Amino acid sequence: APPPTLEGLAEKLKAWAAADAKRRKNRTRR
């Protein structure tokens, strides 16, 4: 695979943070 770009890594980090925030929110509701 080609080496990752800074922009690509930033997008992955944002997606991970959003998924983690959603998981935490659902956990708090339960």
PDB file of all heavy atoms in Angstrom:
ATOM      1  N   ALA A   1       0.844  -1.195   0.000  1.00  0.00           N
ATOM      2  CA  ALA A   1       0.000   0.000   0.000  1.00  0.00           C
ATOM      3  C   ALA A   1       0.880   1.245   0.000  1.00  0.00           C
ATOM      4  O   ALA A   1       1.974   1.237   0.571  1.00  0.00           O
ATOM      5  CB  ALA A   1      -0.897  -0.005   1.227  1.00  0.00           C
ATOM      6  N   PRO A   2       0.401   2.302  -0.641  1.00  0.00           N
ATOM      7  CA  PRO A   2       1.190   3.540  -0.609  1.00  0.00           C
ATOM      8  C   PRO A   2       1.244   4.081   0.817  1.00  0.00           C
ATOM      9  O   PRO A   2       0.341   3.821   1.614  1.00  0.00           O
ATOM     10  CB  PRO A   2       0.418   4.475  -1.530  1.00  0.00           C
ATOM     11  CG  PRO A   2      -0.958   3.925  -1.613  1.00  0.00           C
ATOM     12  CD  PRO A   2      -0.834   2.452  -1.382  1.00  0.00           C
ATOM     13  N   PRO A   3       2.280   4.823   1.144  1.00  0.00           N
ATOM     14  CA  PRO A   3       2.369   5.361   2.502  1.00  0.00           C
ATOM     15  C   PRO A   3       1.196   6.301   2.781  1.00  0.00           C
ATOM     16  O   PRO A   3       0.728   6.996   1.876  1.00  0.00           O
ATOM     17  CB  PRO A   3       3.702   6.112   2.521  1.00  0.00           C
ATOM     18  CG  PRO A   3       4.124   6.244   1.115  1.00  0.00           C
ATOM     19  CD  PRO A   3       3.391   5.227   0.312  1.00  0.00           C
ATOM     20  N   PRO A   4       0.707   6.316   4.020  1.00  0.00           N
ATOM     21  CA  PRO A   4      -0.440   7.158   4.330  1.00  0.00           C
ATOM     22  C   PRO A   4      -0.080   8.644   4.255  1.00  0.00           C
ATOM     23  O   PRO A   4       1.053   9.033   4.530  1.00  0.00           O
ATOM     24  CB  PRO A   4      -0.798   6.763   5.760  1.00  0.00           C
ATOM     25  CG  PRO A   4       0.447   6.176   6.318  1.00  0.00           C
ATOM     26  CD  PRO A   4       1.181   5.572   5.170  1.00  0.00           C
ATOM     27  N   THR A   5      -1.077   9.438   3.884  1.00  0.00           N
ATOM     28  CA  THR A   5      -0.883  10.889   3.847  1.00  0.00           C
ATOM     29  C   THR A   5      -1.357  11.474   5.170  1.00  0.00           C
ATOM     30  O   THR A   5      -2.124  10.842   5.903  1.00  0.00           O
ATOM     31  CB  THR A   5      -1.693  11.525   2.707  1.00  0.00           C
ATOM     32  OG1 THR A   5      -3.083  11.303   2.972  1.00  0.00           O
ATOM     33  CG2 THR A   5      -1.319  10.937   1.355  1.00  0.00           C
ATOM     34  N   LEU A   6      -0.928  12.672   5.455  1.00  0.00           N
ATOM     35  CA  LEU A   6      -1.334  13.346   6.677  1.00  0.00           C
ATOM     36  C   LEU A   6      -2.842  13.570   6.682  1.00  0.00           C
ATOM     37  O   LEU A   6      -3.508  13.380   7.701  1.00  0.00           O
ATOM     38  CB  LEU A   6      -0.584  14.673   6.813  1.00  0.00           C
ATOM     39  CG  LEU A   6      -0.727  15.403   8.126  1.00  0.00           C
ATOM     40  CD1 LEU A   6      -0.279  14.526   9.283  1.00  0.00           C
ATOM     41  CD2 LEU A   6       0.077  16.686   8.117  1.00  0.00           C
ATOM     42  N   GLU A   7      -3.395  13.937   5.522  1.00  0.00           N
ATOM     43  CA  GLU A   7      -4.839  14.167   5.420  1.00  0.00           C
ATOM     44  C   GLU A   7      -5.616  12.870   5.663  1.00  0.00           C
ATOM     45  O   GLU A   7      -6.632  12.859   6.343  1.00  0.00           O
ATOM     46  CB  GLU A   7      -5.203  14.742   4.041  1.00  0.00           C
ATOM     47  CG  GLU A   7      -4.669  16.135   3.787  1.00  0.00           C
ATOM     48  CD  GLU A   7      -3.194  16.142   3.372  1.00  0.00           C
ATOM     49  OE1 GLU A   7      -2.663  15.088   2.968  1.00  0.00           O
ATOM     50  OE2 GLU A   7      -2.572  17.210   3.474  1.00  0.00           O
ATOM     51  N   GLY A   8      -5.124  11.782   5.088  1.00  0.00           N
ATOM     52  CA  GLY A   8      -5.784  10.489   5.277  1.00  0.00           C
ATOM     53  C   GLY A   8      -5.770  10.053   6.734  1.00  0.00           C
ATOM     54  O   GLY A   8      -6.767   9.524   7.250  1.00  0.00           O
ATOM     55  N   LEU A   9      -4.642  10.263   7.400  1.00  0.00           N
ATOM     56  CA  LEU A   9      -4.554   9.911   8.813  1.00  0.00           C
ATOM     57  C   LEU A   9      -5.486  10.772   9.655  1.00  0.00           C
ATOM     58  O   LEU A   9      -6.127  10.284  10.594  1.00  0.00           O
ATOM     59  CB  LEU A   9      -3.110  10.047   9.305  1.00  0.00           C
ATOM     60  CG  LEU A   9      -2.126   9.032   8.750  1.00  0.00           C
ATOM     61  CD1 LEU A   9      -0.699   9.377   9.194  1.00  0.00           C
ATOM     62  CD2 LEU A   9      -2.480   7.633   9.194  1.00  0.00           C
ATOM     63  N   ALA A  10      -5.589  12.061   9.304  1.00  0.00           N
ATOM     64  CA  ALA A  10      -6.489  12.956  10.033  1.00  0.00           C
ATOM     65  C   ALA A  10      -7.938  12.507   9.874  1.00  0.00           C
ATOM     66  O   ALA A  10      -8.703  12.509  10.848  1.00  0.00           O
ATOM     67  CB  ALA A  10      -6.311  14.390   9.544  1.00  0.00           C
ATOM     68  N   GLU A  11      -8.323  12.096   8.671  1.00  0.00           N
ATOM     69  CA  GLU A  11      -9.688  11.612   8.438  1.00  0.00           C
ATOM     70  C   GLU A  11      -9.969  10.347   9.249  1.00  0.00           C
ATOM     71  O   GLU A  11     -11.043  10.194   9.826  1.00  0.00           O
ATOM     72  CB  GLU A  11      -9.922  11.351   6.944  1.00  0.00           C
ATOM     73  CG  GLU A  11     -10.024  12.609   6.122  1.00  0.00           C
ATOM     74  CD  GLU A  11     -11.167  13.512   6.564  1.00  0.00           C
ATOM     75  OE1 GLU A  11     -12.277  13.007   6.819  1.00  0.00           O
ATOM     76  OE2 GLU A  11     -10.931  14.727   6.676  1.00  0.00           O
ATOM     77  N   LYS A  12      -9.015   9.435   9.291  1.00  0.00           N
ATOM     78  CA  LYS A  12      -9.191   8.216  10.080  1.00  0.00           C
ATOM     79  C   LYS A  12      -9.339   8.536  11.559  1.00  0.00           C
ATOM     80  O   LYS A  12     -10.159   7.949  12.262  1.00  0.00           O
ATOM     81  CB  LYS A  12      -8.011   7.260   9.868  1.00  0.00           C
ATOM     82  CG  LYS A  12      -8.037   6.548   8.560  1.00  0.00           C
ATOM     83  CD  LYS A  12      -6.889   5.566   8.459  1.00  0.00           C
ATOM     84  CE  LYS A  12      -6.921   4.846   7.140  1.00  0.00           C
ATOM     85  NZ  LYS A  12      -5.837   3.877   7.017  1.00  0.00           N
ATOM     86  N   LEU A  13      -8.558   9.474  12.038  1.00  0.00           N
ATOM     87  CA  LEU A  13      -8.627   9.860  13.441  1.00  0.00           C
ATOM     88  C   LEU A  13      -9.976  10.499  13.761  1.00  0.00           C
ATOM     89  O   LEU A  13     -10.584  10.206  14.794  1.00  0.00           O
ATOM     90  CB  LEU A  13      -7.483  10.821  13.783  1.00  0.00           C
ATOM     91  CG  LEU A  13      -7.360  11.226  15.240  1.00  0.00           C
ATOM     92  CD1 LEU A  13      -7.166  10.000  16.124  1.00  0.00           C
ATOM     93  CD2 LEU A  13      -6.203  12.180  15.433  1.00  0.00           C
ATOM     94  N   LYS A  14     -10.476  11.362  12.865  1.00  0.00           N
ATOM     95  CA  LYS A  14     -11.788  11.976  13.074  1.00  0.00           C
ATOM     96  C   LYS A  14     -12.887  10.911  13.096  1.00  0.00           C
ATOM     97  O   LYS A  14     -13.796  10.965  13.925  1.00  0.00           O
ATOM     98  CB  LYS A  14     -12.069  12.997  11.971  1.00  0.00           C
ATOM     99  CG  LYS A  14     -11.273  14.271  12.090  1.00  0.00           C
ATOM    100  CD  LYS A  14     -11.572  15.190  10.911  1.00  0.00           C
ATOM    101  CE  LYS A  14     -10.648  16.394  10.913  1.00  0.00           C
ATOM    102  NZ  LYS A  14     -10.848  17.235   9.720  1.00  0.00           N
ATOM    103  N   ALA A  15     -12.811   9.958  12.174  1.00  0.00           N
ATOM    104  CA  ALA A  15     -13.820   8.894  12.132  1.00  0.00           C
ATOM    105  C   ALA A  15     -13.761   8.048  13.397  1.00  0.00           C
ATOM    106  O   ALA A  15     -14.797   7.676  13.962  1.00  0.00           O
ATOM    107  CB  ALA A  15     -13.601   8.019  10.892  1.00  0.00           C
ATOM    108  N   TRP A  16     -12.566   7.749  13.865  1.00  0.00           N
ATOM    109  CA  TRP A  16     -12.416   6.970  15.094  1.00  0.00           C
ATOM    110  C   TRP A  16     -12.992   7.737  16.278  1.00  0.00           C
ATOM    111  O   TRP A  16     -13.699   7.173  17.106  1.00  0.00           O
ATOM    112  CB  TRP A  16     -10.937   6.657  15.339  1.00  0.00           C
ATOM    113  CG  TRP A  16     -10.709   5.988  16.653  1.00  0.00           C
ATOM    114  CD1 TRP A  16     -10.868   4.665  16.937  1.00  0.00           C
ATOM    115  CD2 TRP A  16     -10.315   6.623  17.869  1.00  0.00           C
ATOM    116  NE1 TRP A  16     -10.590   4.437  18.257  1.00  0.00           N
ATOM    117  CE2 TRP A  16     -10.243   5.626  18.854  1.00  0.00           C
ATOM    118  CE3 TRP A  16     -10.005   7.932  18.216  1.00  0.00           C
ATOM    119  CZ2 TRP A  16      -9.886   5.902  20.164  1.00  0.00           C
ATOM    120  CZ3 TRP A  16      -9.646   8.208  19.524  1.00  0.00           C
ATOM    121  CH2 TRP A  16      -9.593   7.191  20.486  1.00  0.00           C
ATOM    122  N   ALA A  17     -12.697   9.048  16.371  1.00  0.00           N
ATOM    123  CA  ALA A  17     -13.187   9.857  17.483  1.00  0.00           C
ATOM    124  C   ALA A  17     -14.711   9.935  17.461  1.00  0.00           C
ATOM    125  O   ALA A  17     -15.364   9.847  18.511  1.00  0.00           O
ATOM    126  CB  ALA A  17     -12.572  11.260  17.420  1.00  0.00           C
ATOM    127  N   ALA A  18     -15.305  10.074  16.283  1.00  0.00           N
ATOM    128  CA  ALA A  18     -16.759  10.127  16.182  1.00  0.00           C
ATOM    129  C   ALA A  18     -17.386   8.805  16.608  1.00  0.00           C
ATOM    130  O   ALA A  18     -18.384   8.776  17.335  1.00  0.00           O
ATOM    131  CB  ALA A  18     -17.168  10.479  14.749  1.00  0.00           C
ATOM    132  N   ALA A  19     -16.796   7.696  16.166  1.00  0.00           N
ATOM    133  CA  ALA A  19     -17.320   6.377  16.552  1.00  0.00           C
ATOM    134  C   ALA A  19     -17.176   6.160  18.051  1.00  0.00           C
ATOM    135  O   ALA A  19     -18.080   5.610  18.705  1.00  0.00           O
ATOM    136  CB  ALA A  19     -16.589   5.282  15.776  1.00  0.00           C
ATOM    137  N   ASP A  20     -16.071   6.595  18.628  1.00  0.00           N
ATOM    138  CA  ASP A  20     -15.867   6.447  20.058  1.00  0.00           C
ATOM    139  C   ASP A  20     -16.860   7.298  20.846  1.00  0.00           C
ATOM    140  O   ASP A  20     -17.416   6.855  21.853  1.00  0.00           O
ATOM    141  CB  ASP A  20     -14.430   6.819  20.430  1.00  0.00           C
ATOM    142  CG  ASP A  20     -14.122   6.520  21.874  1.00  0.00           C
ATOM    143  OD1 ASP A  20     -14.302   5.344  22.285  1.00  0.00           O
ATOM    144  OD2 ASP A  20     -13.721   7.448  22.610  1.00  0.00           O
ATOM    145  N   ALA A  21     -17.109   8.516  20.382  1.00  0.00           N
ATOM    146  CA  ALA A  21     -18.072   9.389  21.055  1.00  0.00           C
ATOM    147  C   ALA A  21     -19.472   8.777  21.010  1.00  0.00           C
ATOM    148  O   ALA A  21     -20.205   8.796  22.012  1.00  0.00           O
ATOM    149  CB  ALA A  21     -18.079  10.768  20.403  1.00  0.00           C
ATOM    150  N   LYS A  22     -19.836   8.200  19.879  1.00  0.00           N
ATOM    151  CA  LYS A  22     -21.147   7.547  19.744  1.00  0.00           C
ATOM    152  C   LYS A  22     -21.237   6.345  20.682  1.00  0.00           C
ATOM    153  O   LYS A  22     -22.251   6.147  21.353  1.00  0.00           O
ATOM    154  CB  LYS A  22     -21.362   7.115  18.301  1.00  0.00           C
ATOM    155  CG  LYS A  22     -22.709   6.522  18.032  1.00  0.00           C
ATOM    156  CD  LYS A  22     -22.867   6.179  16.565  1.00  0.00           C
ATOM    157  CE  LYS A  22     -24.220   5.552  16.317  1.00  0.00           C
ATOM    158  NZ  LYS A  22     -24.384   5.184  14.909  1.00  0.00           N
ATOM    159  N   ARG A  23     -20.177   5.566  20.760  1.00  0.00           N
ATOM    160  CA  ARG A  23     -20.164   4.396  21.642  1.00  0.00           C
ATOM    161  C   ARG A  23     -20.320   4.821  23.094  1.00  0.00           C
ATOM    162  O   ARG A  23     -21.090   4.241  23.844  1.00  0.00           O
ATOM    163  CB  ARG A  23     -18.861   3.612  21.459  1.00  0.00           C
ATOM    164  CG  ARG A  23     -18.760   2.368  22.332  1.00  0.00           C
ATOM    165  CD  ARG A  23     -17.391   1.738  22.249  1.00  0.00           C
ATOM    166  NE  ARG A  23     -16.320   2.604  22.711  1.00  0.00           N
ATOM    167  CZ  ARG A  23     -15.996   2.780  24.002  1.00  0.00           C
ATOM    168  NH1 ARG A  23     -16.662   2.172  24.941  1.00  0.00           N
ATOM    169  NH2 ARG A  23     -14.994   3.569  24.336  1.00  0.00           N
ATOM    170  N   ARG A  24     -19.609   5.869  23.484  1.00  0.00           N
ATOM    171  CA  ARG A  24     -19.695   6.356  24.868  1.00  0.00           C
ATOM    172  C   ARG A  24     -21.095   6.885  25.180  1.00  0.00           C
ATOM    173  O   ARG A  24     -21.624   6.654  26.265  1.00  0.00           O
ATOM    174  CB  ARG A  24     -18.653   7.449  25.109  1.00  0.00           C
ATOM    175  CG  ARG A  24     -17.241   6.933  25.191  1.00  0.00           C
ATOM    176  CD  ARG A  24     -16.255   8.106  25.299  1.00  0.00           C
ATOM    177  NE  ARG A  24     -14.910   7.650  25.293  1.00  0.00           N
ATOM    178  CZ  ARG A  24     -14.179   7.432  26.390  1.00  0.00           C
ATOM    179  NH1 ARG A  24     -14.701   7.654  27.579  1.00  0.00           N
ATOM    180  NH2 ARG A  24     -12.949   7.011  26.301  1.00  0.00           N
ATOM    181  N   LYS A  25     -21.697   7.579  24.227  1.00  0.00           N
ATOM    182  CA  LYS A  25     -23.036   8.127  24.426  1.00  0.00           C
ATOM    183  C   LYS A  25     -24.041   6.992  24.620  1.00  0.00           C
ATOM    184  O   LYS A  25     -24.884   7.043  25.523  1.00  0.00           O
ATOM    185  CB  LYS A  25     -23.421   8.990  23.223  1.00  0.00           C
ATOM    186  CG  LYS A  25     -24.733   9.691  23.365  1.00  0.00           C
ATOM    187  CD  LYS A  25     -24.984  10.576  22.147  1.00  0.00           C
ATOM    188  CE  LYS A  25     -26.311  11.310  22.279  1.00  0.00           C
ATOM    189  NZ  LYS A  25     -26.569  12.139  21.095  1.00  0.00           N
ATOM    190  N   ASN A  26     -23.960   5.965  23.790  1.00  0.00           N
ATOM    191  CA  ASN A  26     -24.860   4.818  23.907  1.00  0.00           C
ATOM    192  C   ASN A  26     -24.644   4.086  25.225  1.00  0.00           C
ATOM    193  O   ASN A  26     -25.592   3.611  25.847  1.00  0.00           O
ATOM    194  CB  ASN A  26     -24.674   3.859  22.734  1.00  0.00           C
ATOM    195  CG  ASN A  26     -25.222   4.432  21.448  1.00  0.00           C
ATOM    196  OD1 ASN A  26     -26.058   5.320  21.457  1.00  0.00           O
ATOM    197  ND2 ASN A  26     -24.729   3.936  20.330  1.00  0.00           N
ATOM    198  N   ARG A  27     -23.413   3.991  25.643  1.00  0.00           N
ATOM    199  CA  ARG A  27     -23.096   3.307  26.902  1.00  0.00           C
ATOM    200  C   ARG A  27     -23.683   4.078  28.085  1.00  0.00           C
ATOM    201  O   ARG A  27     -24.232   3.488  29.007  1.00  0.00           O
ATOM    202  CB  ARG A  27     -21.586   3.166  27.053  1.00  0.00           C
ATOM    203  CG  ARG A  27     -21.188   2.375  28.246  1.00  0.00           C
ATOM    204  CD  ARG A  27     -19.701   2.177  28.254  1.00  0.00           C
ATOM    205  NE  ARG A  27     -19.334   1.361  29.390  1.00  0.00           N
ATOM    206  CZ  ARG A  27     -18.159   1.338  29.942  1.00  0.00           C
ATOM    207  NH1 ARG A  27     -17.193   2.069  29.445  1.00  0.00           N
ATOM    208  NH2 ARG A  27     -17.907   0.579  30.972  1.00  0.00           N
ATOM    209  N   THR A  28     -23.592   5.403  28.044  1.00  0.00           N
ATOM    210  CA  THR A  28     -24.140   6.236  29.119  1.00  0.00           C
ATOM    211  C   THR A  28     -25.653   6.072  29.192  1.00  0.00           C
ATOM    212  O   THR A  28     -26.216   5.978  30.279  1.00  0.00           O
ATOM    213  CB  THR A  28     -23.789   7.715  28.866  1.00  0.00           C
ATOM    214  OG1 THR A  28     -22.359   7.839  28.755  1.00  0.00           O
ATOM    215  CG2 THR A  28     -24.261   8.605  30.003  1.00  0.00           C
ATOM    216  N   ARG A  29     -26.323   5.989  28.054  1.00  0.00           N
ATOM    217  CA  ARG A  29     -27.782   5.780  28.030  1.00  0.00           C
ATOM    218  C   ARG A  29     -28.149   4.458  28.690  1.00  0.00           C
ATOM    219  O   ARG A  29     -29.115   4.390  29.438  1.00  0.00           O
ATOM    220  CB  ARG A  29     -28.299   5.793  26.597  1.00  0.00           C
ATOM    221  CG  ARG A  29     -28.378   7.146  25.986  1.00  0.00           C
ATOM    222  CD  ARG A  29     -28.991   7.043  24.616  1.00  0.00           C
ATOM    223  NE  ARG A  29     -28.941   8.324  23.939  1.00  0.00           N
ATOM    224  CZ  ARG A  29     -29.126   8.476  22.636  1.00  0.00           C
ATOM    225  NH1 ARG A  29     -29.384   7.430  21.889  1.00  0.00           N
ATOM    226  NH2 ARG A  29     -29.066   9.663  22.101  1.00  0.00           N
ATOM    227  N   ARG A  30     -27.395   3.403  28.384  1.00  0.00           N
ATOM    228  CA  ARG A  30     -27.687   2.090  28.963  1.00  0.00           C
ATOM    229  C   ARG A  30     -27.498   2.090  30.470  1.00  0.00           C
ATOM    230  O   ARG A  30     -28.268   1.490  31.195  1.00  0.00           O
ATOM    231  CB  ARG A  30     -26.825   1.012  28.307  1.00  0.00           C
ATOM    232  CG  ARG A  30     -27.364   0.592  26.954  1.00  0.00           C
ATOM    233  CD  ARG A  30     -26.548  -0.524  26.374  1.00  0.00           C
ATOM    234  NE  ARG A  30     -25.497   0.123  25.586  1.00  0.00           N
ATOM    235  CZ  ARG A  30     -24.300  -0.369  25.396  1.00  0.00           C
ATOM    236  NH1 ARG A  30     -23.957  -1.506  25.927  1.00  0.00           N
ATOM    237  NH2 ARG A  30     -23.412   0.279  24.681  1.00  0.00           N
TER     238      ARG A  30
END
